[in-house]
Amino acid sequence: MKYTFDLLGVSPILYFFNQQQKVEEQTAPAGVEYVGAYKCTLDAFIESVEPVPPKRGWDMDEVVDTVINFWVHNSDTIQYWKERLKDAGNENVLVARVGDIQSLKAEFESLLGKKG
């Protein structure tokens, strides 16, 4: 299985927590997880994704490799979000998405009204 990781934006902590609660209540979870970190560092995001693979049945090493690969190849994006998080202040987290590529593709297609 192949995975994807991307930084999405800055969110107030309380809003992010509330969104996570809503996702947990869904009966049919998508193959995508949203994670947050107080710091824009590789270590912080590896730590934030560590609980995901066991509950999803994903390969931990591949998920971590995906995060590391993103970090190695996207320095401009990382610097941008690091600055936005700093500007936003301490009551915010940087949100990222990690997921298996097939599930993410299916989710996007359903949003566009396409049938897979």
N, C-alpha and C. Protein backbone atom coordinates (compact mmCIF):
# COMPACT_ATOMS: atom_id res chain seq x y z
N MET A 1 0.84 -1.16 0.00
CA MET A 1 0.00 0.00 0.00
C MET A 1 0.89 1.23 0.00
N LYS A 2 0.51 2.24 -0.77
CA LYS A 2 1.26 3.50 -0.81
C LYS A 2 0.52 4.54 0.00
N TYR A 3 1.28 5.45 0.60
CA TYR A 3 0.72 6.47 1.48
C TYR A 3 1.09 7.85 1.00
N THR A 4 0.35 8.82 1.49
CA THR A 4 0.60 10.22 1.17
C THR A 4 0.59 11.02 2.46
N PHE A 5 1.37 12.09 2.47
CA PHE A 5 1.43 13.00 3.61
C PHE A 5 1.50 14.41 3.06
N ASP A 6 0.76 15.33 3.67
CA ASP A 6 0.81 16.72 3.24
C ASP A 6 0.44 17.64 4.39
N LEU A 7 1.10 18.78 4.45
CA LEU A 7 0.74 19.81 5.42
C LEU A 7 -0.45 20.59 4.85
N LEU A 8 -1.46 20.84 5.67
CA LEU A 8 -2.68 21.47 5.19
C LEU A 8 -2.90 22.89 5.67
N GLY A 9 -2.56 23.18 6.91
CA GLY A 9 -2.79 24.52 7.40
C GLY A 9 -2.73 24.60 8.91
N VAL A 10 -2.96 25.80 9.41
CA VAL A 10 -2.94 26.07 10.84
C VAL A 10 -4.37 26.14 11.34
N SER A 11 -4.60 25.57 12.51
CA SER A 11 -5.95 25.53 13.08
C SER A 11 -5.89 25.83 14.58
N PRO A 12 -6.90 26.53 15.10
CA PRO A 12 -6.99 26.66 16.55
C PRO A 12 -7.11 25.27 17.18
N ILE A 13 -6.47 25.07 18.31
CA ILE A 13 -6.44 23.75 18.95
C ILE A 13 -7.84 23.22 19.20
N LEU A 14 -8.73 24.05 19.75
CA LEU A 14 -10.07 23.61 20.10
C LEU A 14 -10.86 23.17 18.86
N TYR A 15 -10.74 23.91 17.77
CA TYR A 15 -11.43 23.54 16.54
C TYR A 15 -10.92 22.20 16.02
N PHE A 16 -9.61 22.03 16.02
CA PHE A 16 -9.02 20.78 15.54
C PHE A 16 -9.50 19.61 16.40
N PHE A 17 -9.50 19.79 17.72
CA PHE A 17 -9.97 18.75 18.62
C PHE A 17 -11.43 18.39 18.33
N ASN A 18 -12.28 19.39 18.15
CA ASN A 18 -13.70 19.14 17.85
C ASN A 18 -13.87 18.38 16.53
N GLN A 19 -13.09 18.74 15.53
CA GLN A 19 -13.16 18.04 14.24
C GLN A 19 -12.73 16.58 14.40
N GLN A 20 -11.69 16.34 15.19
CA GLN A 20 -11.23 14.97 15.42
C GLN A 20 -12.31 14.15 16.12
N GLN A 21 -13.04 14.76 17.05
CA GLN A 21 -14.13 14.06 17.74
C GLN A 21 -15.23 13.67 16.75
N LYS A 22 -15.56 14.56 15.83
CA LYS A 22 -16.59 14.26 14.82
C LYS A 22 -16.15 13.11 13.93
N VAL A 23 -14.89 13.10 13.55
CA VAL A 23 -14.37 12.03 12.69
C VAL A 23 -14.44 10.69 13.42
N GLU A 24 -14.10 10.69 14.70
CA GLU A 24 -14.13 9.45 15.49
C GLU A 24 -15.54 8.88 15.59
N GLU A 25 -16.55 9.74 15.54
CA GLU A 25 -17.94 9.30 15.67
C GLU A 25 -18.50 8.72 14.37
N GLN A 26 -17.83 8.92 13.26
CA GLN A 26 -18.30 8.40 11.98
C GLN A 26 -18.27 6.88 11.99
N THR A 27 -19.27 6.28 11.38
CA THR A 27 -19.35 4.82 11.36
C THR A 27 -18.43 4.20 10.32
N ALA A 28 -18.22 4.88 9.22
CA ALA A 28 -17.37 4.35 8.15
C ALA A 28 -16.19 5.29 7.93
N PRO A 29 -15.12 5.10 8.68
CA PRO A 29 -13.99 6.02 8.55
C PRO A 29 -13.30 5.90 7.19
N ALA A 30 -12.86 7.03 6.68
CA ALA A 30 -12.11 7.05 5.42
C ALA A 30 -10.70 6.55 5.68
N GLY A 31 -9.96 6.29 4.63
CA GLY A 31 -8.58 5.83 4.76
C GLY A 31 -7.62 6.98 4.89
N VAL A 32 -8.07 8.05 5.55
CA VAL A 32 -7.29 9.25 5.71
C VAL A 32 -7.37 9.69 7.16
N GLU A 33 -6.26 10.15 7.72
CA GLU A 33 -6.23 10.68 9.09
C GLU A 33 -5.67 12.09 9.05
N TYR A 34 -6.20 12.92 9.91
CA TYR A 34 -5.70 14.27 10.07
C TYR A 34 -5.00 14.34 11.41
N VAL A 35 -3.78 14.85 11.41
CA VAL A 35 -2.98 14.92 12.63
C VAL A 35 -2.51 16.35 12.83
N GLY A 36 -2.23 16.70 14.07
CA GLY A 36 -1.78 18.04 14.37
C GLY A 36 -0.51 18.01 15.19
N ALA A 37 0.27 19.06 15.06
CA ALA A 37 1.51 19.20 15.83
C ALA A 37 1.68 20.65 16.24
N TYR A 38 2.22 20.85 17.44
CA TYR A 38 2.46 22.19 17.95
C TYR A 38 3.70 22.82 17.34
N LYS A 39 4.58 21.98 16.79
CA LYS A 39 5.81 22.46 16.16
C LYS A 39 5.86 21.93 14.74
N CYS A 40 6.46 22.69 13.87
CA CYS A 40 6.63 22.26 12.48
C CYS A 40 8.02 21.63 12.35
N THR A 41 8.13 20.41 12.91
CA THR A 41 9.39 19.67 12.82
C THR A 41 9.10 18.25 12.36
N LEU A 42 10.08 17.63 11.79
CA LEU A 42 9.94 16.24 11.36
C LEU A 42 9.61 15.35 12.54
N ASP A 43 10.32 15.52 13.64
CA ASP A 43 10.07 14.70 14.84
C ASP A 43 8.64 14.84 15.34
N ALA A 44 8.12 16.07 15.34
CA ALA A 44 6.76 16.30 15.83
C ALA A 44 5.74 15.57 14.96
N PHE A 45 5.94 15.56 13.65
CA PHE A 45 4.96 14.89 12.79
C PHE A 45 5.14 13.38 12.78
N ILE A 46 6.35 12.90 12.93
CA ILE A 46 6.51 11.45 13.07
C ILE A 46 5.79 10.99 14.33
N GLU A 47 5.96 11.74 15.40
CA GLU A 47 5.28 11.41 16.65
C GLU A 47 3.76 11.48 16.49
N SER A 48 3.27 12.43 15.72
CA SER A 48 1.82 12.58 15.56
C SER A 48 1.20 11.47 14.71
N VAL A 49 1.98 10.89 13.79
CA VAL A 49 1.42 9.82 12.95
C VAL A 49 1.62 8.43 13.55
N GLU A 50 2.46 8.30 14.58
CA GLU A 50 2.73 6.97 15.15
C GLU A 50 1.49 6.20 15.60
N PRO A 51 0.45 6.84 16.18
CA PRO A 51 -0.73 6.07 16.59
C PRO A 51 -1.61 5.63 15.42
N VAL A 52 -1.42 6.19 14.25
CA VAL A 52 -2.32 5.93 13.12
C VAL A 52 -2.18 4.52 12.54
N PRO A 53 -0.98 4.07 12.16
CA PRO A 53 -0.88 2.75 11.51
C PRO A 53 -1.47 1.59 12.31
N PRO A 54 -1.26 1.50 13.63
CA PRO A 54 -1.84 0.36 14.35
C PRO A 54 -3.38 0.33 14.28
N LYS A 55 -4.02 1.48 14.36
CA LYS A 55 -5.49 1.47 14.34
C LYS A 55 -6.04 1.30 12.93
N ARG A 56 -5.24 1.59 11.91
CA ARG A 56 -5.67 1.46 10.52
C ARG A 56 -5.21 0.16 9.86
N GLY A 57 -4.27 -0.51 10.50
CA GLY A 57 -3.70 -1.70 9.87
C GLY A 57 -2.69 -1.35 8.79
N TRP A 58 -2.13 -0.16 8.88
CA TRP A 58 -1.15 0.30 7.91
C TRP A 58 0.25 -0.14 8.33
N ASP A 59 1.17 -0.11 7.38
CA ASP A 59 2.57 -0.43 7.63
C ASP A 59 3.27 0.78 8.24
N MET A 60 3.66 0.68 9.50
CA MET A 60 4.27 1.80 10.23
C MET A 60 5.50 2.34 9.52
N ASP A 61 6.40 1.45 9.07
CA ASP A 61 7.63 1.91 8.43
C ASP A 61 7.35 2.69 7.16
N GLU A 62 6.37 2.24 6.36
CA GLU A 62 6.04 2.95 5.12
C GLU A 62 5.42 4.31 5.40
N VAL A 63 4.58 4.40 6.43
CA VAL A 63 3.97 5.69 6.78
C VAL A 63 5.06 6.67 7.23
N VAL A 64 5.95 6.22 8.10
CA VAL A 64 7.04 7.09 8.57
C VAL A 64 7.95 7.47 7.40
N ASP A 65 8.25 6.53 6.51
CA ASP A 65 9.06 6.85 5.33
C ASP A 65 8.39 7.91 4.46
N THR A 66 7.07 7.85 4.36
CA THR A 66 6.33 8.83 3.58
C THR A 66 6.48 10.22 4.18
N VAL A 67 6.39 10.32 5.51
CA VAL A 67 6.56 11.61 6.19
C VAL A 67 7.98 12.12 5.97
N ILE A 68 8.96 11.26 6.13
CA ILE A 68 10.36 11.66 5.95
C ILE A 68 10.60 12.11 4.50
N ASN A 69 10.05 11.37 3.56
CA ASN A 69 10.20 11.73 2.15
C ASN A 69 9.60 13.11 1.86
N PHE A 70 8.43 13.37 2.43
CA PHE A 70 7.83 14.70 2.29
C PHE A 70 8.78 15.76 2.83
N TRP A 71 9.35 15.51 4.00
CA TRP A 71 10.23 16.48 4.66
C TRP A 71 11.47 16.75 3.82
N VAL A 72 12.00 15.73 3.19
CA VAL A 72 13.23 15.86 2.40
C VAL A 72 12.98 16.67 1.11
N HIS A 73 11.78 16.52 0.53
CA HIS A 73 11.53 17.10 -0.79
C HIS A 73 10.67 18.36 -0.80
N ASN A 74 10.28 18.88 0.35
CA ASN A 74 9.37 20.02 0.36
C ASN A 74 9.80 21.12 1.33
N SER A 75 11.05 21.51 1.27
CA SER A 75 11.58 22.49 2.24
C SER A 75 10.86 23.83 2.16
N ASP A 76 10.48 24.28 0.97
CA ASP A 76 9.79 25.57 0.84
C ASP A 76 8.42 25.52 1.51
N THR A 77 7.69 24.45 1.31
CA THR A 77 6.37 24.28 1.93
C THR A 77 6.50 24.22 3.44
N ILE A 78 7.48 23.50 3.91
CA ILE A 78 7.70 23.35 5.35
C ILE A 78 8.03 24.71 5.96
N GLN A 79 8.90 25.45 5.33
CA GLN A 79 9.27 26.78 5.84
C GLN A 79 8.06 27.70 5.86
N TYR A 80 7.25 27.65 4.82
CA TYR A 80 6.04 28.48 4.76
C TYR A 80 5.13 28.18 5.96
N TRP A 81 4.83 26.89 6.19
CA TRP A 81 3.92 26.53 7.27
C TRP A 81 4.53 26.75 8.65
N LYS A 82 5.84 26.64 8.74
CA LYS A 82 6.52 26.94 10.00
C LYS A 82 6.29 28.41 10.37
N GLU A 83 6.40 29.29 9.40
CA GLU A 83 6.18 30.72 9.64
C GLU A 83 4.71 31.01 9.95
N ARG A 84 3.79 30.36 9.24
CA ARG A 84 2.35 30.59 9.52
C ARG A 84 1.99 30.12 10.93
N LEU A 85 2.56 29.00 11.36
CA LEU A 85 2.30 28.51 12.71
C LEU A 85 2.86 29.48 13.74
N LYS A 86 4.04 29.99 13.50
CA LYS A 86 4.65 30.97 14.40
C LYS A 86 3.79 32.23 14.47
N ASP A 87 3.31 32.71 13.33
CA ASP A 87 2.45 33.91 13.27
C ASP A 87 1.14 33.70 14.02
N ALA A 88 0.62 32.49 13.99
CA ALA A 88 -0.68 32.20 14.58
C ALA A 88 -0.66 32.16 16.10
N GLY A 89 0.47 31.87 16.70
CA GLY A 89 0.57 31.86 18.15
C GLY A 89 0.42 30.49 18.77
N ASN A 90 0.53 30.44 20.09
CA ASN A 90 0.60 29.18 20.82
C ASN A 90 -0.70 28.40 20.91
N GLU A 91 -1.82 29.00 20.61
CA GLU A 91 -3.11 28.31 20.74
C GLU A 91 -3.51 27.60 19.45
N ASN A 92 -2.54 27.31 18.60
CA ASN A 92 -2.81 26.71 17.30
C ASN A 92 -1.92 25.50 17.05
N VAL A 93 -2.37 24.66 16.13
CA VAL A 93 -1.58 23.51 15.69
C VAL A 93 -1.47 23.54 14.18
N LEU A 94 -0.44 22.91 13.68
CA LEU A 94 -0.28 22.73 12.25
C LEU A 94 -0.90 21.38 11.91
N VAL A 95 -1.83 21.38 10.96
CA VAL A 95 -2.57 20.18 10.61
C VAL A 95 -1.99 19.56 9.35
N ALA A 96 -1.89 18.24 9.37
CA ALA A 96 -1.42 17.49 8.21
C ALA A 96 -2.37 16.33 7.94
N ARG A 97 -2.30 15.82 6.74
CA ARG A 97 -3.12 14.67 6.35
C ARG A 97 -2.19 13.53 5.96
N VAL A 98 -2.50 12.35 6.47
CA VAL A 98 -1.79 11.14 6.09
C VAL A 98 -2.84 10.12 5.69
N GLY A 99 -2.58 9.41 4.62
CA GLY A 99 -3.57 8.43 4.20
C GLY A 99 -3.03 7.50 3.15
N ASP A 100 -3.81 6.45 2.90
CA ASP A 100 -3.40 5.59 1.80
C ASP A 100 -3.94 6.22 0.51
N ILE A 101 -3.14 6.15 -0.53
CA ILE A 101 -3.42 6.88 -1.76
C ILE A 101 -4.75 6.45 -2.38
N GLN A 102 -5.06 5.17 -2.37
CA GLN A 102 -6.32 4.71 -2.98
C GLN A 102 -7.53 5.29 -2.26
N SER A 103 -7.50 5.33 -0.94
CA SER A 103 -8.63 5.89 -0.19
C SER A 103 -8.76 7.38 -0.42
N LEU A 104 -7.65 8.07 -0.48
CA LEU A 104 -7.68 9.51 -0.73
C LEU A 104 -8.24 9.79 -2.12
N LYS A 105 -7.83 9.00 -3.08
CA LYS A 105 -8.34 9.16 -4.45
C LYS A 105 -9.85 8.93 -4.47
N ALA A 106 -10.31 7.89 -3.79
CA ALA A 106 -11.75 7.59 -3.75
C ALA A 106 -12.51 8.72 -3.06
N GLU A 107 -11.94 9.28 -2.00
CA GLU A 107 -12.59 10.39 -1.29
C GLU A 107 -12.71 11.61 -2.20
N PHE A 108 -11.67 11.94 -2.93
CA PHE A 108 -11.72 13.08 -3.85
C PHE A 108 -12.73 12.83 -4.96
N GLU A 109 -12.74 11.62 -5.51
CA GLU A 109 -13.69 11.32 -6.57
C GLU A 109 -15.14 11.41 -6.07
N SER A 110 -15.38 10.98 -4.84
CA SER A 110 -16.75 11.08 -4.30
C SER A 110 -17.14 12.55 -4.11
N LEU A 111 -16.19 13.38 -3.76
CA LEU A 111 -16.48 14.82 -3.63
C LEU A 111 -16.81 15.45 -4.98
N LEU A 112 -16.20 14.91 -6.02
CA LEU A 112 -16.43 15.41 -7.38
C LEU A 112 -17.62 14.72 -8.05
N GLY A 113 -18.22 13.75 -7.36
CA GLY A 113 -19.38 13.05 -7.91
C GLY A 113 -19.04 12.02 -8.96
N LYS A 114 -17.80 11.56 -8.98
CA LYS A 114 -17.39 10.54 -9.94
C LYS A 114 -17.54 9.17 -9.32
N LYS A 115 -17.74 8.20 -10.14
CA LYS A 115 -17.80 6.80 -9.67
C LYS A 115 -16.49 6.14 -10.06
N GLY A 116 -15.90 5.41 -9.06
CA GLY A 116 -14.61 4.78 -9.28
C GLY A 116 -14.74 3.58 -10.04
